[in-house]
Amino acid sequence: MIKTPNEQLTRLNNEQFKQADKTPLLIILDNIRSHHNVGSVFRTADAFLVEAIYLCGYTPQPPHRDIQKTALGATDTVAWKYFATTLEAIEFAKQQGYKVAAIEQVEPKIELQNFIPYAKTAVVFGSEVGGVDEEVLKQADACIEIPQFGTKHSLNISVCAGVVLWDLFSKLNFRK
């Protein structure tokens, strides 16, 4: 095997990205503390052509050097909007025709591999400590859980976002 040089990778430039058809996915970040986690989510959102990210509550916002450190410029390509509360973001998303799926360990739940994305899916990721807020869960149309089999009870939010977004992207684009 030979590594593909960067100049041979077919990647969009910033303007092409902005003009490209987006995956009908929206990310809602519910009070994320870490700038690095936010940057990582931006980078993953760019990779899968996500429509936008809604930053809520005390979630850090660009521009910030610690977000940029992990986003590697994705804050310039992925659309984002700030909301004072996650409930406001969900209300806005629903007005735009999205159904909301929270990523959380609850009952009842749908395991990720069994979840069929909505035509327009907004995915809520919760804070590093408390997860998705209880009031936010009440507004969700579904709750998705990533099955885990080891000793830990959760994944880092940036890892969780990568797993969920890849799964939903692949279901929307490759499994038709």
N, C-alpha and C. Protein backbone atom coordinates (compact mmCIF):
# COMPACT_ATOMS: atom_id res chain seq x y z
N MET A 1 0.83 -1.18 0.00
CA MET A 1 0.00 0.00 0.00
C MET A 1 0.88 1.24 0.00
N ILE A 2 0.38 2.25 -0.67
CA ILE A 2 1.08 3.53 -0.73
C ILE A 2 0.11 4.61 -0.27
N LYS A 3 0.57 5.43 0.66
CA LYS A 3 -0.25 6.55 1.13
C LYS A 3 -0.56 7.50 -0.01
N THR A 4 -1.79 7.97 -0.08
CA THR A 4 -2.18 8.94 -1.09
C THR A 4 -1.72 10.33 -0.66
N PRO A 5 -0.96 11.01 -1.49
CA PRO A 5 -0.55 12.38 -1.14
C PRO A 5 -1.76 13.31 -1.07
N ASN A 6 -1.70 14.30 -0.20
CA ASN A 6 -2.82 15.23 -0.02
C ASN A 6 -3.29 15.85 -1.33
N GLU A 7 -2.35 16.21 -2.20
CA GLU A 7 -2.74 16.87 -3.46
C GLU A 7 -3.53 15.93 -4.38
N GLN A 8 -3.50 14.63 -4.14
CA GLN A 8 -4.27 13.69 -4.95
C GLN A 8 -5.64 13.36 -4.35
N LEU A 9 -5.86 13.79 -3.13
CA LEU A 9 -7.17 13.57 -2.51
C LEU A 9 -8.16 14.54 -3.13
N THR A 10 -9.33 14.06 -3.45
CA THR A 10 -10.35 14.94 -4.03
C THR A 10 -11.15 15.56 -2.89
N ARG A 11 -10.76 16.78 -2.55
CA ARG A 11 -11.42 17.51 -1.46
C ARG A 11 -11.97 18.82 -2.02
N LEU A 12 -13.05 19.25 -1.44
CA LEU A 12 -13.65 20.52 -1.83
C LEU A 12 -12.85 21.67 -1.22
N ASN A 13 -12.82 22.80 -1.93
CA ASN A 13 -12.30 24.00 -1.29
C ASN A 13 -13.45 24.65 -0.51
N ASN A 14 -13.17 25.70 0.23
CA ASN A 14 -14.19 26.30 1.10
C ASN A 14 -15.43 26.74 0.32
N GLU A 15 -15.23 27.37 -0.84
CA GLU A 15 -16.36 27.83 -1.63
C GLU A 15 -17.17 26.66 -2.18
N GLN A 16 -16.51 25.63 -2.66
CA GLN A 16 -17.21 24.43 -3.15
C GLN A 16 -18.00 23.77 -2.02
N PHE A 17 -17.42 23.73 -0.82
CA PHE A 17 -18.12 23.16 0.33
C PHE A 17 -19.41 23.93 0.59
N LYS A 18 -19.32 25.24 0.60
CA LYS A 18 -20.51 26.06 0.89
C LYS A 18 -21.60 25.86 -0.14
N GLN A 19 -21.21 25.57 -1.40
CA GLN A 19 -22.17 25.39 -2.47
C GLN A 19 -22.68 23.94 -2.59
N ALA A 20 -21.99 23.01 -1.96
CA ALA A 20 -22.33 21.58 -2.10
C ALA A 20 -23.66 21.25 -1.43
N ASP A 21 -24.33 20.24 -2.00
CA ASP A 21 -25.53 19.71 -1.34
C ASP A 21 -25.10 19.12 -0.01
N LYS A 22 -25.83 19.45 1.04
CA LYS A 22 -25.47 18.99 2.37
C LYS A 22 -26.27 17.75 2.76
N THR A 23 -25.70 16.99 3.67
CA THR A 23 -26.40 15.86 4.27
C THR A 23 -27.47 16.46 5.19
N PRO A 24 -28.70 15.96 5.16
CA PRO A 24 -29.77 16.56 5.96
C PRO A 24 -29.63 16.24 7.46
N LEU A 25 -28.47 16.61 7.99
CA LEU A 25 -28.17 16.42 9.42
C LEU A 25 -27.82 17.76 10.04
N LEU A 26 -28.29 17.95 11.24
CA LEU A 26 -28.01 19.15 12.03
C LEU A 26 -27.49 18.68 13.37
N ILE A 27 -26.45 19.32 13.87
CA ILE A 27 -25.87 18.97 15.18
C ILE A 27 -26.26 20.04 16.18
N ILE A 28 -26.75 19.61 17.33
CA ILE A 28 -27.06 20.53 18.43
C ILE A 28 -26.17 20.14 19.61
N LEU A 29 -25.31 21.07 20.04
CA LEU A 29 -24.41 20.82 21.16
C LEU A 29 -24.99 21.46 22.42
N ASP A 30 -25.36 20.62 23.37
CA ASP A 30 -26.04 21.02 24.61
C ASP A 30 -25.01 21.23 25.73
N ASN A 31 -24.55 22.48 25.87
CA ASN A 31 -23.65 22.86 26.97
C ASN A 31 -22.37 22.02 27.03
N ILE A 32 -21.64 22.02 25.93
CA ILE A 32 -20.34 21.34 25.87
C ILE A 32 -19.30 22.28 26.47
N ARG A 33 -18.44 21.78 27.35
CA ARG A 33 -17.45 22.62 28.02
C ARG A 33 -16.17 22.80 27.22
N SER A 34 -15.70 21.77 26.58
CA SER A 34 -14.37 21.75 26.00
C SER A 34 -14.31 22.38 24.60
N HIS A 35 -13.42 23.35 24.46
CA HIS A 35 -13.17 23.96 23.15
C HIS A 35 -12.69 22.90 22.16
N HIS A 36 -11.86 21.98 22.64
CA HIS A 36 -11.31 20.93 21.76
C HIS A 36 -12.42 20.01 21.26
N ASN A 37 -13.37 19.67 22.12
CA ASN A 37 -14.49 18.84 21.68
C ASN A 37 -15.32 19.57 20.62
N VAL A 38 -15.55 20.86 20.83
CA VAL A 38 -16.31 21.64 19.85
C VAL A 38 -15.57 21.66 18.51
N GLY A 39 -14.26 21.90 18.55
CA GLY A 39 -13.47 21.89 17.32
C GLY A 39 -13.52 20.56 16.61
N SER A 40 -13.45 19.48 17.37
CA SER A 40 -13.52 18.14 16.78
C SER A 40 -14.87 17.90 16.11
N VAL A 41 -15.94 18.37 16.73
CA VAL A 41 -17.27 18.20 16.13
C VAL A 41 -17.35 19.00 14.83
N PHE A 42 -16.80 20.20 14.80
CA PHE A 42 -16.78 20.97 13.56
C PHE A 42 -16.05 20.20 12.46
N ARG A 43 -14.92 19.63 12.80
CA ARG A 43 -14.12 18.90 11.80
C ARG A 43 -14.88 17.68 11.27
N THR A 44 -15.57 16.96 12.16
CA THR A 44 -16.37 15.82 11.74
C THR A 44 -17.56 16.27 10.91
N ALA A 45 -18.18 17.37 11.29
CA ALA A 45 -19.31 17.90 10.53
C ALA A 45 -18.89 18.26 9.11
N ASP A 46 -17.70 18.81 8.97
CA ASP A 46 -17.16 19.13 7.64
C ASP A 46 -16.98 17.83 6.83
N ALA A 47 -16.43 16.82 7.47
CA ALA A 47 -16.15 15.55 6.76
C ALA A 47 -17.41 14.94 6.17
N PHE A 48 -18.54 15.10 6.84
CA PHE A 48 -19.78 14.46 6.40
C PHE A 48 -20.80 15.44 5.83
N LEU A 49 -20.35 16.65 5.45
CA LEU A 49 -21.21 17.66 4.82
C LEU A 49 -22.48 17.94 5.61
N VAL A 50 -22.34 18.07 6.92
CA VAL A 50 -23.48 18.37 7.80
C VAL A 50 -23.98 19.79 7.51
N GLU A 51 -25.30 19.96 7.57
CA GLU A 51 -25.89 21.27 7.25
C GLU A 51 -25.41 22.38 8.18
N ALA A 52 -25.43 22.14 9.49
CA ALA A 52 -25.06 23.19 10.44
C ALA A 52 -24.87 22.61 11.83
N ILE A 53 -24.25 23.42 12.66
CA ILE A 53 -24.09 23.11 14.08
C ILE A 53 -24.75 24.23 14.87
N TYR A 54 -25.56 23.86 15.87
CA TYR A 54 -26.13 24.83 16.80
C TYR A 54 -25.38 24.70 18.12
N LEU A 55 -24.77 25.78 18.54
CA LEU A 55 -24.02 25.83 19.79
C LEU A 55 -24.92 26.44 20.84
N CYS A 56 -25.09 25.76 21.97
CA CYS A 56 -26.10 26.17 22.95
C CYS A 56 -25.50 26.38 24.33
N GLY A 57 -26.09 27.35 25.05
CA GLY A 57 -25.69 27.58 26.44
C GLY A 57 -24.25 28.04 26.53
N TYR A 58 -23.50 27.36 27.39
CA TYR A 58 -22.10 27.75 27.59
C TYR A 58 -21.12 27.07 26.64
N THR A 59 -21.64 26.41 25.61
CA THR A 59 -20.76 25.81 24.59
C THR A 59 -19.91 26.92 23.96
N PRO A 60 -18.59 26.74 23.91
CA PRO A 60 -17.72 27.76 23.31
C PRO A 60 -18.04 27.98 21.83
N GLN A 61 -17.81 29.21 21.38
CA GLN A 61 -18.09 29.59 20.01
C GLN A 61 -16.82 30.05 19.30
N PRO A 62 -16.75 29.82 17.99
CA PRO A 62 -15.65 30.39 17.23
C PRO A 62 -15.81 31.92 17.19
N PRO A 63 -14.77 32.67 16.96
CA PRO A 63 -13.40 32.20 16.80
C PRO A 63 -12.72 32.03 18.16
N HIS A 64 -12.00 30.99 18.31
CA HIS A 64 -11.20 30.75 19.50
C HIS A 64 -10.06 29.82 19.11
N ARG A 65 -8.86 30.12 19.55
CA ARG A 65 -7.70 29.35 19.11
C ARG A 65 -7.79 27.88 19.49
N ASP A 66 -8.40 27.55 20.65
CA ASP A 66 -8.51 26.14 21.05
C ASP A 66 -9.53 25.39 20.21
N ILE A 67 -10.56 26.07 19.72
CA ILE A 67 -11.49 25.44 18.78
C ILE A 67 -10.76 25.21 17.45
N GLN A 68 -10.07 26.24 16.99
CA GLN A 68 -9.35 26.16 15.72
C GLN A 68 -8.30 25.06 15.72
N LYS A 69 -7.70 24.82 16.88
CA LYS A 69 -6.63 23.82 16.98
C LYS A 69 -7.12 22.45 16.50
N THR A 70 -8.35 22.09 16.83
CA THR A 70 -8.88 20.79 16.41
C THR A 70 -9.77 20.89 15.18
N ALA A 71 -10.39 22.04 14.95
CA ALA A 71 -11.29 22.20 13.80
C ALA A 71 -10.52 22.30 12.48
N LEU A 72 -9.28 22.75 12.54
CA LEU A 72 -8.44 22.90 11.34
C LEU A 72 -9.15 23.63 10.20
N GLY A 73 -9.85 24.70 10.53
CA GLY A 73 -10.51 25.51 9.51
C GLY A 73 -11.95 25.16 9.24
N ALA A 74 -12.47 24.11 9.85
CA ALA A 74 -13.86 23.70 9.59
C ALA A 74 -14.87 24.74 10.08
N THR A 75 -14.46 25.64 10.97
CA THR A 75 -15.38 26.71 11.39
C THR A 75 -15.63 27.69 10.25
N ASP A 76 -14.79 27.65 9.21
CA ASP A 76 -14.98 28.50 8.05
C ASP A 76 -15.88 27.85 7.01
N THR A 77 -16.12 26.56 7.12
CA THR A 77 -16.94 25.87 6.13
C THR A 77 -18.31 25.47 6.67
N VAL A 78 -18.37 24.97 7.89
CA VAL A 78 -19.63 24.49 8.45
C VAL A 78 -20.41 25.67 9.03
N ALA A 79 -21.65 25.81 8.59
CA ALA A 79 -22.52 26.86 9.13
C ALA A 79 -22.79 26.59 10.61
N TRP A 80 -22.87 27.65 11.41
CA TRP A 80 -23.19 27.47 12.82
C TRP A 80 -23.99 28.67 13.31
N LYS A 81 -24.69 28.42 14.40
CA LYS A 81 -25.54 29.45 15.00
C LYS A 81 -25.51 29.23 16.50
N TYR A 82 -25.56 30.31 17.27
CA TYR A 82 -25.58 30.23 18.73
C TYR A 82 -27.00 30.45 19.25
N PHE A 83 -27.36 29.65 20.26
CA PHE A 83 -28.64 29.80 20.96
C PHE A 83 -28.36 29.86 22.46
N ALA A 84 -29.05 30.72 23.16
CA ALA A 84 -28.86 30.83 24.62
C ALA A 84 -29.22 29.54 25.33
N THR A 85 -30.22 28.83 24.80
CA THR A 85 -30.60 27.55 25.40
C THR A 85 -30.77 26.49 24.31
N THR A 86 -30.60 25.26 24.71
CA THR A 86 -30.79 24.15 23.79
C THR A 86 -32.25 24.01 23.39
N LEU A 87 -33.16 24.34 24.31
CA LEU A 87 -34.59 24.27 23.98
C LEU A 87 -34.94 25.24 22.86
N GLU A 88 -34.32 26.42 22.85
CA GLU A 88 -34.54 27.38 21.76
C GLU A 88 -34.02 26.80 20.44
N ALA A 89 -32.87 26.15 20.48
CA ALA A 89 -32.29 25.55 19.28
C ALA A 89 -33.20 24.45 18.74
N ILE A 90 -33.73 23.64 19.63
CA ILE A 90 -34.63 22.56 19.20
C ILE A 90 -35.90 23.13 18.57
N GLU A 91 -36.45 24.14 19.20
CA GLU A 91 -37.66 24.77 18.65
C GLU A 91 -37.38 25.31 17.25
N PHE A 92 -36.26 25.98 17.09
CA PHE A 92 -35.87 26.52 15.77
C PHE A 92 -35.69 25.39 14.76
N ALA A 93 -35.00 24.32 15.17
CA ALA A 93 -34.77 23.18 14.28
C ALA A 93 -36.11 22.57 13.84
N LYS A 94 -37.02 22.40 14.77
CA LYS A 94 -38.33 21.82 14.43
C LYS A 94 -39.09 22.73 13.46
N GLN A 95 -38.96 24.05 13.63
CA GLN A 95 -39.59 24.98 12.69
C GLN A 95 -39.01 24.84 11.29
N GLN A 96 -37.77 24.38 11.20
CA GLN A 96 -37.11 24.18 9.91
C GLN A 96 -37.39 22.79 9.34
N GLY A 97 -38.23 22.00 10.03
CA GLY A 97 -38.62 20.69 9.52
C GLY A 97 -37.79 19.52 10.01
N TYR A 98 -36.92 19.75 10.99
CA TYR A 98 -36.10 18.66 11.54
C TYR A 98 -36.86 17.91 12.62
N LYS A 99 -36.60 16.61 12.71
CA LYS A 99 -36.99 15.80 13.86
C LYS A 99 -35.73 15.65 14.69
N VAL A 100 -35.91 15.56 16.00
CA VAL A 100 -34.78 15.61 16.92
C VAL A 100 -34.52 14.26 17.56
N ALA A 101 -33.26 13.83 17.49
CA ALA A 101 -32.82 12.59 18.13
C ALA A 101 -31.71 12.94 19.11
N ALA A 102 -31.95 12.68 20.38
CA ALA A 102 -30.92 12.91 21.41
C ALA A 102 -30.07 11.66 21.54
N ILE A 103 -28.79 11.87 21.77
CA ILE A 103 -27.88 10.74 21.99
C ILE A 103 -27.70 10.62 23.49
N GLU A 104 -28.33 9.59 24.07
CA GLU A 104 -28.33 9.46 25.53
C GLU A 104 -28.72 8.05 25.92
N GLN A 105 -28.35 7.69 27.14
CA GLN A 105 -28.71 6.38 27.70
C GLN A 105 -29.98 6.56 28.51
N VAL A 106 -31.11 6.17 27.90
CA VAL A 106 -32.42 6.33 28.51
C VAL A 106 -33.28 5.11 28.15
N GLU A 107 -34.42 5.05 28.74
CA GLU A 107 -35.46 4.10 28.33
C GLU A 107 -36.71 4.91 28.05
N PRO A 108 -37.39 4.71 26.97
CA PRO A 108 -37.02 3.79 25.89
C PRO A 108 -35.94 4.42 25.00
N LYS A 109 -35.24 3.60 24.31
CA LYS A 109 -34.15 4.03 23.43
C LYS A 109 -34.20 3.21 22.15
N ILE A 110 -33.48 3.72 21.16
CA ILE A 110 -33.25 2.98 19.92
C ILE A 110 -31.73 2.83 19.82
N GLU A 111 -31.26 1.61 19.68
CA GLU A 111 -29.82 1.43 19.51
C GLU A 111 -29.43 1.97 18.14
N LEU A 112 -28.27 2.59 18.08
CA LEU A 112 -27.83 3.30 16.88
C LEU A 112 -27.97 2.47 15.61
N GLN A 113 -27.57 1.23 15.65
CA GLN A 113 -27.62 0.40 14.44
C GLN A 113 -29.05 0.17 13.95
N ASN A 114 -30.04 0.37 14.82
CA ASN A 114 -31.44 0.18 14.45
C ASN A 114 -32.17 1.47 14.11
N PHE A 115 -31.53 2.60 14.31
CA PHE A 115 -32.16 3.90 14.07
C PHE A 115 -32.16 4.21 12.57
N ILE A 116 -33.32 4.57 12.06
CA ILE A 116 -33.45 4.99 10.67
C ILE A 116 -33.58 6.51 10.69
N PRO A 117 -32.63 7.21 10.06
CA PRO A 117 -32.68 8.68 10.09
C PRO A 117 -33.96 9.23 9.49
N TYR A 118 -34.39 10.34 10.06
CA TYR A 118 -35.54 11.07 9.51
C TYR A 118 -35.08 11.77 8.23
N ALA A 119 -36.02 12.29 7.46
CA ALA A 119 -35.66 13.02 6.25
C ALA A 119 -34.73 14.19 6.58
N LYS A 120 -34.99 14.84 7.70
CA LYS A 120 -34.12 15.90 8.24
C LYS A 120 -33.93 15.59 9.72
N THR A 121 -32.71 15.21 10.10
CA THR A 121 -32.44 14.76 11.47
C THR A 121 -31.53 15.74 12.20
N ALA A 122 -32.00 16.22 13.34
CA ALA A 122 -31.17 17.02 14.25
C ALA A 122 -30.73 16.10 15.38
N VAL A 123 -29.43 16.08 15.63
CA VAL A 123 -28.87 15.18 16.64
C VAL A 123 -28.33 16.02 17.80
N VAL A 124 -28.79 15.72 19.01
CA VAL A 124 -28.36 16.46 20.20
C VAL A 124 -27.31 15.66 20.95
N PHE A 125 -26.16 16.30 21.19
CA PHE A 125 -25.09 15.72 22.00
C PHE A 125 -24.99 16.53 23.28
N GLY A 126 -24.94 15.84 24.43
CA GLY A 126 -24.95 16.50 25.72
C GLY A 126 -23.58 16.77 26.29
N SER A 127 -23.59 17.46 27.41
CA SER A 127 -22.36 17.89 28.07
C SER A 127 -21.52 16.70 28.52
N GLU A 128 -20.24 16.98 28.69
CA GLU A 128 -19.28 15.95 29.06
C GLU A 128 -19.60 15.32 30.41
N VAL A 129 -20.22 16.06 31.31
CA VAL A 129 -20.48 15.55 32.65
C VAL A 129 -21.90 15.01 32.80
N GLY A 130 -22.89 15.80 32.42
CA GLY A 130 -24.29 15.44 32.68
C GLY A 130 -25.05 14.86 31.51
N GLY A 131 -24.44 14.84 30.32
CA GLY A 131 -25.16 14.35 29.15
C GLY A 131 -26.22 15.33 28.69
N VAL A 132 -27.22 14.84 27.99
CA VAL A 132 -28.30 15.68 27.49
C VAL A 132 -29.23 16.02 28.65
N ASP A 133 -29.55 17.29 28.79
CA ASP A 133 -30.43 17.77 29.86
C ASP A 133 -31.80 17.11 29.80
N GLU A 134 -32.37 16.84 30.98
CA GLU A 134 -33.69 16.18 31.07
C GLU A 134 -34.78 16.92 30.31
N GLU A 135 -34.80 18.25 30.39
CA GLU A 135 -35.82 19.03 29.69
C GLU A 135 -35.65 18.92 28.17
N VAL A 136 -34.43 18.80 27.74
CA VAL A 136 -34.14 18.62 26.31
C VAL A 136 -34.64 17.25 25.87
N LEU A 137 -34.40 16.24 26.68
CA LEU A 137 -34.85 14.88 26.34
C LEU A 137 -36.37 14.84 26.11
N LYS A 138 -37.10 15.63 26.88
CA LYS A 138 -38.57 15.66 26.74
C LYS A 138 -39.00 16.20 25.38
N GLN A 139 -38.14 16.97 24.73
CA GLN A 139 -38.48 17.55 23.43
C GLN A 139 -38.00 16.70 22.25
N ALA A 140 -37.26 15.65 22.54
CA ALA A 140 -36.71 14.81 21.47
C ALA A 140 -37.79 13.88 20.90
N ASP A 141 -37.69 13.63 19.61
CA ASP A 141 -38.60 12.69 18.95
C ASP A 141 -38.13 11.26 19.15
N ALA A 142 -36.83 11.10 19.44
CA ALA A 142 -36.26 9.77 19.69
C ALA A 142 -34.99 9.94 20.51
N CYS A 143 -34.61 8.87 21.18
CA CYS A 143 -33.32 8.83 21.89
C CYS A 143 -32.54 7.64 21.37
N ILE A 144 -31.30 7.92 20.99
CA ILE A 144 -30.43 6.91 20.41
C ILE A 144 -29.33 6.59 21.41
N GLU A 145 -29.01 5.31 21.51
CA GLU A 145 -27.89 4.89 22.36
C GLU A 145 -26.88 4.12 21.50
N ILE A 146 -25.61 4.42 21.72
CA ILE A 146 -24.54 3.65 21.09
C ILE A 146 -24.26 2.46 21.99
N PRO A 147 -24.48 1.24 21.53
CA PRO A 147 -24.19 0.08 22.38
C PRO A 147 -22.70 0.06 22.74
N GLN A 148 -22.41 -0.24 23.99
CA GLN A 148 -21.03 -0.33 24.46
C GLN A 148 -20.88 -1.61 25.26
N PHE A 149 -19.72 -2.21 25.19
CA PHE A 149 -19.56 -3.54 25.76
C PHE A 149 -18.42 -3.66 26.76
N GLY A 150 -17.72 -2.58 27.02
CA GLY A 150 -16.62 -2.61 27.97
C GLY A 150 -17.05 -2.19 29.36
N THR A 151 -16.11 -1.66 30.11
CA THR A 151 -16.36 -1.28 31.50
C THR A 151 -16.82 0.16 31.65
N LYS A 152 -16.62 1.02 30.65
CA LYS A 152 -16.99 2.43 30.74
C LYS A 152 -18.44 2.62 30.33
N HIS A 153 -19.02 3.69 30.84
CA HIS A 153 -20.44 3.94 30.60
C HIS A 153 -20.71 4.97 29.50
N SER A 154 -19.64 5.59 28.98
CA SER A 154 -19.87 6.63 27.98
C SER A 154 -18.64 6.80 27.10
N LEU A 155 -18.84 7.54 26.02
CA LEU A 155 -17.77 7.92 25.12
C LEU A 155 -17.55 9.43 25.21
N ASN A 156 -16.34 9.88 24.91
CA ASN A 156 -16.11 11.31 24.81
C ASN A 156 -17.04 11.87 23.75
N ILE A 157 -17.53 13.08 23.95
CA ILE A 157 -18.52 13.66 23.03
C ILE A 157 -18.01 13.72 21.59
N SER A 158 -16.72 14.02 21.39
CA SER A 158 -16.21 14.10 20.03
C SER A 158 -16.16 12.71 19.37
N VAL A 159 -15.85 11.69 20.15
CA VAL A 159 -15.86 10.32 19.63
C VAL A 159 -17.29 9.90 19.34
N CYS A 160 -18.18 10.19 20.27
CA CYS A 160 -19.60 9.87 20.10
C CYS A 160 -20.15 10.51 18.83
N ALA A 161 -19.82 11.79 18.62
CA ALA A 161 -20.29 12.49 17.42
C ALA A 161 -19.76 11.82 16.16
N GLY A 162 -18.50 11.42 16.17
CA GLY A 162 -17.93 10.75 15.01
C GLY A 162 -18.65 9.45 14.69
N VAL A 163 -18.92 8.66 15.70
CA VAL A 163 -19.60 7.37 15.51
C VAL A 163 -21.01 7.60 14.97
N VAL A 164 -21.75 8.49 15.61
CA VAL A 164 -23.14 8.74 15.23
C VAL A 164 -23.23 9.36 13.84
N LEU A 165 -22.42 10.36 13.58
CA LEU A 165 -22.51 11.04 12.29
C LEU A 165 -22.11 10.13 11.13
N TRP A 166 -21.09 9.31 11.34
CA TRP A 166 -20.73 8.36 10.28
C TRP A 166 -21.88 7.39 10.02
N ASP A 167 -22.48 6.88 11.09
CA ASP A 167 -23.58 5.93 10.93
C ASP A 167 -24.74 6.56 10.17
N LEU A 168 -25.15 7.76 10.58
CA LEU A 168 -26.29 8.41 9.92
C LEU A 168 -25.95 8.81 8.49
N PHE A 169 -24.74 9.33 8.27
CA PHE A 169 -24.30 9.69 6.92
C PHE A 169 -24.33 8.46 6.01
N SER A 170 -23.80 7.35 6.50
CA SER A 170 -23.76 6.16 5.65
C SER A 170 -25.16 5.63 5.37
N LYS A 171 -26.04 5.70 6.34
CA LYS A 171 -27.42 5.24 6.10
C LYS A 171 -28.12 6.13 5.08
N LEU A 172 -27.84 7.43 5.13
CA LEU A 172 -28.48 8.36 4.20
C LEU A 172 -27.87 8.32 2.80
N ASN A 173 -26.61 7.92 2.68
CA ASN A 173 -25.92 8.02 1.40
C ASN A 173 -25.56 6.70 0.73
N PHE A 174 -25.39 5.64 1.51
CA PHE A 174 -24.87 4.40 0.94
C PHE A 174 -25.84 3.23 1.01
N ARG A 175 -26.84 3.31 1.82
CA ARG A 175 -27.72 2.14 2.04
C ARG A 175 -29.13 2.39 1.49
N LYS A 176 -29.19 2.95 0.33
CA LYS A 176 -30.50 3.27 -0.23
C LYS A 176 -31.10 2.10 -0.96
